[in-house]
Amino acid sequence: MVGARDGPGNGWGGMARARGTPAPSSFYWYDLETSGTHPGSDRIMQFAGCRTDTDLEVVDEPYVTYVRLGREV
């Protein structure tokens, strides 16, 4: 019998896993807010993250933090 996660792409967002590589038990999603679009000069202002299981159900408290910026930003 073929399971829901067994076909092409193994059900992991269309990405196949290497043979012998264990399936992830959770995912950590994150987002960065920055002061602009130039990585060399702009700064991270906020970080947020959330862990989900493989069915994308939240399994831990989301985390959000703000970064204290220097005077130059």
PDB file of N, CA and C in Angstrom:
ATOM      1  N   MET A   1       0.846  -1.183   0.000  1.00  0.00           N
ATOM      2  CA  MET A   1       0.000   0.000   0.000  1.00  0.00           C
ATOM      3  C   MET A   1       0.887   1.241   0.000  1.00  0.00           C
ATOM      4  N   VAL A   2       0.536   2.210  -0.795  1.00  0.00           N
ATOM      5  CA  VAL A   2       1.298   3.453  -0.886  1.00  0.00           C
ATOM      6  C   VAL A   2       0.656   4.490   0.015  1.00  0.00           C
ATOM      7  N   GLY A   3       1.456   5.081   0.893  1.00  0.00           N
ATOM      8  CA  GLY A   3       0.944   6.103   1.802  1.00  0.00           C
ATOM      9  C   GLY A   3       0.830   7.456   1.124  1.00  0.00           C
ATOM     10  N   ALA A   4       0.185   8.384   1.798  1.00  0.00           N
ATOM     11  CA  ALA A   4      -0.032   9.722   1.246  1.00  0.00           C
ATOM     12  C   ALA A   4       1.278  10.447   0.990  1.00  0.00           C
ATOM     13  N   ARG A   5       2.329  10.099   1.730  1.00  0.00           N
ATOM     14  CA  ARG A   5       3.605  10.793   1.573  1.00  0.00           C
ATOM     15  C   ARG A   5       4.593   9.987   0.741  1.00  0.00           C
ATOM     16  N   ASP A   6       4.147   8.965   0.054  1.00  0.00           N
ATOM     17  CA  ASP A   6       5.060   8.114  -0.714  1.00  0.00           C
ATOM     18  C   ASP A   6       5.067   8.411  -2.195  1.00  0.00           C
ATOM     19  N   GLY A   7       4.754   9.105  -2.921  1.00  0.00           N
ATOM     20  CA  GLY A   7       4.799   9.184  -4.370  1.00  0.00           C
ATOM     21  C   GLY A   7       5.849  10.141  -4.833  1.00  0.00           C
ATOM     22  N   PRO A   8       5.708  10.626  -6.030  1.00  0.00           N
ATOM     23  CA  PRO A   8       6.694  11.565  -6.556  1.00  0.00           C
ATOM     24  C   PRO A   8       6.862  12.762  -5.627  1.00  0.00           C
ATOM     25  N   GLY A   9       8.085  13.053  -5.328  1.00  0.00           N
ATOM     26  CA  GLY A   9       8.367  14.187  -4.448  1.00  0.00           C
ATOM     27  C   GLY A   9       8.177  13.860  -2.983  1.00  0.00           C
ATOM     28  N   ASN A  10       7.696  12.668  -2.667  1.00  0.00           N
ATOM     29  CA  ASN A  10       7.516  12.220  -1.282  1.00  0.00           C
ATOM     30  C   ASN A  10       6.630  13.117  -0.447  1.00  0.00           C
ATOM     31  N   GLY A  11       5.862  14.016  -1.047  1.00  0.00           N
ATOM     32  CA  GLY A  11       4.946  14.840  -0.284  1.00  0.00           C
ATOM     33  C   GLY A  11       5.594  15.988   0.463  1.00  0.00           C
ATOM     34  N   TRP A  12       6.853  16.245   0.261  1.00  0.00           N
ATOM     35  CA  TRP A  12       7.549  17.303   1.003  1.00  0.00           C
ATOM     36  C   TRP A  12       7.731  18.521   0.120  1.00  0.00           C
ATOM     37  N   GLY A  13       6.649  19.162  -0.256  1.00  0.00           N
ATOM     38  CA  GLY A  13       6.725  20.370  -1.066  1.00  0.00           C
ATOM     39  C   GLY A  13       7.287  20.119  -2.451  1.00  0.00           C
ATOM     40  N   GLY A  14       7.138  18.911  -2.970  1.00  0.00           N
ATOM     41  CA  GLY A  14       7.629  18.596  -4.298  1.00  0.00           C
ATOM     42  C   GLY A  14       9.111  18.284  -4.345  1.00  0.00           C
ATOM     43  N   MET A  15       9.777  18.279  -3.201  1.00  0.00           N
ATOM     44  CA  MET A  15      11.212  18.008  -3.168  1.00  0.00           C
ATOM     45  C   MET A  15      11.439  16.562  -2.733  1.00  0.00           C
ATOM     46  N   ALA A  16      12.210  15.821  -3.501  1.00  0.00           N
ATOM     47  CA  ALA A  16      12.521  14.447  -3.135  1.00  0.00           C
ATOM     48  C   ALA A  16      13.647  14.431  -2.104  1.00  0.00           C
ATOM     49  N   ARG A  17      13.584  13.467  -1.191  1.00  0.00           N
ATOM     50  CA  ARG A  17      14.648  13.294  -0.210  1.00  0.00           C
ATOM     51  C   ARG A  17      15.658  12.296  -0.748  1.00  0.00           C
ATOM     52  N   ALA A  18      16.913  12.449  -0.367  1.00  0.00           N
ATOM     53  CA  ALA A  18      17.937  11.489  -0.749  1.00  0.00           C
ATOM     54  C   ALA A  18      17.639  10.152  -0.073  1.00  0.00           C
ATOM     55  N   ARG A  19      17.925   9.074  -0.758  1.00  0.00           N
ATOM     56  CA  ARG A  19      17.678   7.742  -0.204  1.00  0.00           C
ATOM     57  C   ARG A  19      18.411   7.602   1.128  1.00  0.00           C
ATOM     58  N   GLY A  20      17.714   7.109   2.123  1.00  0.00           N
ATOM     59  CA  GLY A  20      18.308   6.917   3.438  1.00  0.00           C
ATOM     60  C   GLY A  20      18.255   8.139   4.337  1.00  0.00           C
ATOM     61  N   THR A  21      17.802   9.272   3.809  1.00  0.00           N
ATOM     62  CA  THR A  21      17.689  10.485   4.615  1.00  0.00           C
ATOM     63  C   THR A  21      16.364  10.449   5.363  1.00  0.00           C
ATOM     64  N   PRO A  22      16.399  10.570   6.692  1.00  0.00           N
ATOM     65  CA  PRO A  22      15.134  10.525   7.432  1.00  0.00           C
ATOM     66  C   PRO A  22      14.249  11.727   7.113  1.00  0.00           C
ATOM     67  N   ALA A  23      12.950  11.496   7.134  1.00  0.00           N
ATOM     68  CA  ALA A  23      11.992  12.583   6.906  1.00  0.00           C
ATOM     69  C   ALA A  23      12.045  13.546   8.086  1.00  0.00           C
ATOM     70  N   PRO A  24      11.889  14.835   7.831  1.00  0.00           N
ATOM     71  CA  PRO A  24      11.870  15.784   8.948  1.00  0.00           C
ATOM     72  C   PRO A  24      10.633  15.548   9.811  1.00  0.00           C
ATOM     73  N   SER A  25      10.774  15.772  11.112  1.00  0.00           N
ATOM     74  CA  SER A  25       9.621  15.621  11.998  1.00  0.00           C
ATOM     75  C   SER A  25       8.935  16.957  12.234  1.00  0.00           C
ATOM     76  N   SER A  26       9.629  18.046  11.876  1.00  0.00           N
ATOM     77  CA  SER A  26       9.029  19.374  12.009  1.00  0.00           C
ATOM     78  C   SER A  26       9.765  20.338  11.093  1.00  0.00           C
ATOM     79  N   PHE A  27       9.162  21.502  10.914  1.00  0.00           N
ATOM     80  CA  PHE A  27       9.757  22.568  10.114  1.00  0.00           C
ATOM     81  C   PHE A  27       9.781  23.836  10.952  1.00  0.00           C
ATOM     82  N   TYR A  28      10.783  24.671  10.739  1.00  0.00           N
ATOM     83  CA  TYR A  28      10.814  25.970  11.410  1.00  0.00           C
ATOM     84  C   TYR A  28      10.720  27.037  10.329  1.00  0.00           C
ATOM     85  N   TRP A  29       9.637  27.812  10.358  1.00  0.00           N
ATOM     86  CA  TRP A  29       9.378  28.872   9.391  1.00  0.00           C
ATOM     87  C   TRP A  29       9.796  30.185  10.019  1.00  0.00           C
ATOM     88  N   TYR A  30      10.464  31.038   9.254  1.00  0.00           N
ATOM     89  CA  TYR A  30      10.868  32.320   9.823  1.00  0.00           C
ATOM     90  C   TYR A  30      10.731  33.441   8.807  1.00  0.00           C
ATOM     91  N   ASP A  31      10.684  34.652   9.326  1.00  0.00           N
ATOM     92  CA  ASP A  31      10.546  35.850   8.500  1.00  0.00           C
ATOM     93  C   ASP A  31      11.399  36.945   9.113  1.00  0.00           C
ATOM     94  N   LEU A  32      12.083  37.681   8.282  1.00  0.00           N
ATOM     95  CA  LEU A  32      12.876  38.824   8.721  1.00  0.00           C
ATOM     96  C   LEU A  32      12.296  40.089   8.130  1.00  0.00           C
ATOM     97  N   GLU A  33      12.176  41.108   8.941  1.00  0.00           N
ATOM     98  CA  GLU A  33      11.805  42.437   8.449  1.00  0.00           C
ATOM     99  C   GLU A  33      13.065  43.285   8.520  1.00  0.00           C
ATOM    100  N   THR A  34      13.339  44.006   7.449  1.00  0.00           N
ATOM    101  CA  THR A  34      14.567  44.797   7.390  1.00  0.00           C
ATOM    102  C   THR A  34      14.260  46.268   7.139  1.00  0.00           C
ATOM    103  N   SER A  35      15.300  47.076   7.274  1.00  0.00           N
ATOM    104  CA  SER A  35      15.145  48.519   7.090  1.00  0.00           C
ATOM    105  C   SER A  35      15.222  48.922   5.620  1.00  0.00           C
ATOM    106  N   GLY A  36      15.394  47.976   4.718  1.00  0.00           N
ATOM    107  CA  GLY A  36      15.467  48.279   3.293  1.00  0.00           C
ATOM    108  C   GLY A  36      15.787  47.033   2.491  1.00  0.00           C
ATOM    109  N   THR A  37      16.216  47.231   1.254  1.00  0.00           N
ATOM    110  CA  THR A  37      16.472  46.101   0.359  1.00  0.00           C
ATOM    111  C   THR A  37      17.940  45.909   0.008  1.00  0.00           C
ATOM    112  N   HIS A  38      18.836  46.602   0.674  1.00  0.00           N
ATOM    113  CA  HIS A  38      20.269  46.492   0.392  1.00  0.00           C
ATOM    114  C   HIS A  38      20.968  45.757   1.537  1.00  0.00           C
ATOM    115  N   PRO A  39      21.297  44.462   1.365  1.00  0.00           N
ATOM    116  CA  PRO A  39      21.872  43.667   2.446  1.00  0.00           C
ATOM    117  C   PRO A  39      23.164  44.243   3.027  1.00  0.00           C
ATOM    118  N   GLY A  40      23.940  44.950   2.237  1.00  0.00           N
ATOM    119  CA  GLY A  40      25.199  45.503   2.723  1.00  0.00           C
ATOM    120  C   GLY A  40      25.048  46.670   3.671  1.00  0.00           C
ATOM    121  N   SER A  41      23.939  47.389   3.584  1.00  0.00           N
ATOM    122  CA  SER A  41      23.793  48.583   4.418  1.00  0.00           C
ATOM    123  C   SER A  41      22.535  48.590   5.282  1.00  0.00           C
ATOM    124  N   ASP A  42      21.523  47.823   4.941  1.00  0.00           N
ATOM    125  CA  ASP A  42      20.285  47.811   5.720  1.00  0.00           C
ATOM    126  C   ASP A  42      20.375  46.781   6.837  1.00  0.00           C
ATOM    127  N   ARG A  43      19.539  46.931   7.840  1.00  0.00           N
ATOM    128  CA  ARG A  43      19.617  46.106   9.046  1.00  0.00           C
ATOM    129  C   ARG A  43      18.323  45.332   9.283  1.00  0.00           C
ATOM    130  N   ILE A  44      18.472  44.188   9.966  1.00  0.00           N
ATOM    131  CA  ILE A  44      17.307  43.420  10.400  1.00  0.00           C
ATOM    132  C   ILE A  44      16.632  44.190  11.523  1.00  0.00           C
ATOM    133  N   MET A  45      15.321  44.353  11.437  1.00  0.00           N
ATOM    134  CA  MET A  45      14.560  45.086  12.447  1.00  0.00           C
ATOM    135  C   MET A  45      13.661  44.166  13.273  1.00  0.00           C
ATOM    136  N   GLN A  46      13.230  43.043  12.697  1.00  0.00           N
ATOM    137  CA  GLN A  46      12.342  42.126  13.403  1.00  0.00           C
ATOM    138  C   GLN A  46      12.584  40.711  12.901  1.00  0.00           C
ATOM    139  N   PHE A  47      12.478  39.742  13.821  1.00  0.00           N
ATOM    140  CA  PHE A  47      12.561  38.326  13.491  1.00  0.00           C
ATOM    141  C   PHE A  47      11.323  37.648  14.062  1.00  0.00           C
ATOM    142  N   ALA A  48      10.701  36.777  13.271  1.00  0.00           N
ATOM    143  CA  ALA A  48       9.566  35.990  13.750  1.00  0.00           C
ATOM    144  C   ALA A  48       9.737  34.563  13.247  1.00  0.00           C
ATOM    145  N   GLY A  49       9.383  33.593  14.081  1.00  0.00           N
ATOM    146  CA  GLY A  49       9.507  32.197  13.690  1.00  0.00           C
ATOM    147  C   GLY A  49       8.424  31.350  14.320  1.00  0.00           C
ATOM    148  N   CYS A  50       8.171  30.202  13.686  1.00  0.00           N
ATOM    149  CA  CYS A  50       7.124  29.304  14.172  1.00  0.00           C
ATOM    150  C   CYS A  50       7.471  27.878  13.739  1.00  0.00           C
ATOM    151  N   ARG A  51       7.367  26.908  14.653  1.00  0.00           N
ATOM    152  CA  ARG A  51       7.611  25.501  14.331  1.00  0.00           C
ATOM    153  C   ARG A  51       6.282  24.802  14.061  1.00  0.00           C
ATOM    154  N   THR A  52       6.265  24.004  12.967  1.00  0.00           N
ATOM    155  CA  THR A  52       5.082  23.211  12.628  1.00  0.00           C
ATOM    156  C   THR A  52       5.489  21.750  12.474  1.00  0.00           C
ATOM    157  N   ASP A  53       4.502  20.870  12.555  1.00  0.00           N
ATOM    158  CA  ASP A  53       4.770  19.472  12.231  1.00  0.00           C
ATOM    159  C   ASP A  53       4.676  19.310  10.714  1.00  0.00           C
ATOM    160  N   THR A  54       4.791  18.091  10.247  1.00  0.00           N
ATOM    161  CA  THR A  54       4.781  17.867   8.799  1.00  0.00           C
ATOM    162  C   THR A  54       3.413  18.076   8.163  1.00  0.00           C
ATOM    163  N   ASP A  55       2.369  18.208   8.986  1.00  0.00           N
ATOM    164  CA  ASP A  55       1.037  18.552   8.482  1.00  0.00           C
ATOM    165  C   ASP A  55       0.783  20.050   8.576  1.00  0.00           C
ATOM    166  N   LEU A  56       1.835  20.812   8.906  1.00  0.00           N
ATOM    167  CA  LEU A  56       1.813  22.271   9.027  1.00  0.00           C
ATOM    168  C   LEU A  56       0.942  22.765  10.180  1.00  0.00           C
ATOM    169  N   GLU A  57       0.753  21.929  11.187  1.00  0.00           N
ATOM    170  CA  GLU A  57       0.063  22.333  12.410  1.00  0.00           C
ATOM    171  C   GLU A  57       1.098  22.925  13.360  1.00  0.00           C
ATOM    172  N   VAL A  58       0.811  24.067  13.948  1.00  0.00           N
ATOM    173  CA  VAL A  58       1.740  24.724  14.872  1.00  0.00           C
ATOM    174  C   VAL A  58       1.948  23.825  16.087  1.00  0.00           C
ATOM    175  N   VAL A  59       3.225  23.571  16.437  1.00  0.00           N
ATOM    176  CA  VAL A  59       3.532  22.674  17.554  1.00  0.00           C
ATOM    177  C   VAL A  59       4.254  23.372  18.700  1.00  0.00           C
ATOM    178  N   ASP A  60       4.564  24.638  18.554  1.00  0.00           N
ATOM    179  CA  ASP A  60       5.252  25.373  19.608  1.00  0.00           C
ATOM    180  C   ASP A  60       4.822  26.830  19.534  1.00  0.00           C
ATOM    181  N   GLU A  61       5.065  27.560  20.599  1.00  0.00           N
ATOM    182  CA  GLU A  61       4.703  28.978  20.622  1.00  0.00           C
ATOM    183  C   GLU A  61       5.494  29.747  19.561  1.00  0.00           C
ATOM    184  N   PRO A  62       4.844  30.578  18.764  1.00  0.00           N
ATOM    185  CA  PRO A  62       5.577  31.430  17.825  1.00  0.00           C
ATOM    186  C   PRO A  62       6.514  32.367  18.590  1.00  0.00           C
ATOM    187  N   TYR A  63       7.593  32.760  17.942  1.00  0.00           N
ATOM    188  CA  TYR A  63       8.582  33.639  18.554  1.00  0.00           C
ATOM    189  C   TYR A  63       8.685  34.912  17.718  1.00  0.00           C
ATOM    190  N   VAL A  64       8.634  36.057  18.363  1.00  0.00           N
ATOM    191  CA  VAL A  64       8.787  37.347  17.688  1.00  0.00           C
ATOM    192  C   VAL A  64       9.700  38.209  18.541  1.00  0.00           C
ATOM    193  N   THR A  65      10.667  38.861  17.896  1.00  0.00           N
ATOM    194  CA  THR A  65      11.526  39.788  18.619  1.00  0.00           C
ATOM    195  C   THR A  65      11.867  40.963  17.715  1.00  0.00           C
ATOM    196  N   TYR A  66      12.081  42.097  18.341  1.00  0.00           N
ATOM    197  CA  TYR A  66      12.493  43.300  17.628  1.00  0.00           C
ATOM    198  C   TYR A  66      13.958  43.559  17.943  1.00  0.00           C
ATOM    199  N   VAL A  67      14.675  44.107  16.991  1.00  0.00           N
ATOM    200  CA  VAL A  67      16.097  44.363  17.152  1.00  0.00           C
ATOM    201  C   VAL A  67      16.306  45.833  17.465  1.00  0.00           C
ATOM    202  N   ARG A  68      17.094  46.097  18.498  1.00  0.00           N
ATOM    203  CA  ARG A  68      17.422  47.488  18.823  1.00  0.00           C
ATOM    204  C   ARG A  68      18.435  47.984  17.794  1.00  0.00           C
ATOM    205  N   LEU A  69      18.066  49.028  17.098  1.00  0.00           N
ATOM    206  CA  LEU A  69      18.912  49.567  16.037  1.00  0.00           C
ATOM    207  C   LEU A  69      19.789  50.687  16.563  1.00  0.00           C
ATOM    208  N   GLY A  70      20.932  50.853  15.931  1.00  0.00           N
ATOM    209  CA  GLY A  70      21.805  51.965  16.276  1.00  0.00           C
ATOM    210  C   GLY A  70      21.242  53.276  15.754  1.00  0.00           C
ATOM    211  N   ARG A  71      21.841  54.353  16.135  1.00  0.00           N
ATOM    212  CA  ARG A  71      21.372  55.682  15.723  1.00  0.00           C
ATOM    213  C   ARG A  71      21.449  55.906  14.213  1.00  0.00           C
ATOM    214  N   GLU A  72      22.355  55.201  13.533  1.00  0.00           N
ATOM    215  CA  GLU A  72      22.532  55.439  12.096  1.00  0.00           C
ATOM    216  C   GLU A  72      21.365  54.940  11.259  1.00  0.00           C
ATOM    217  N   VAL A  73      20.491  54.110  11.796  1.00  0.00           N
ATOM    218  CA  VAL A  73      19.367  53.569  11.005  1.00  0.00           C
ATOM    219  C   VAL A  73      18.158  54.453  11.156  1.00  0.00           C
TER     220      VAL A  73
END
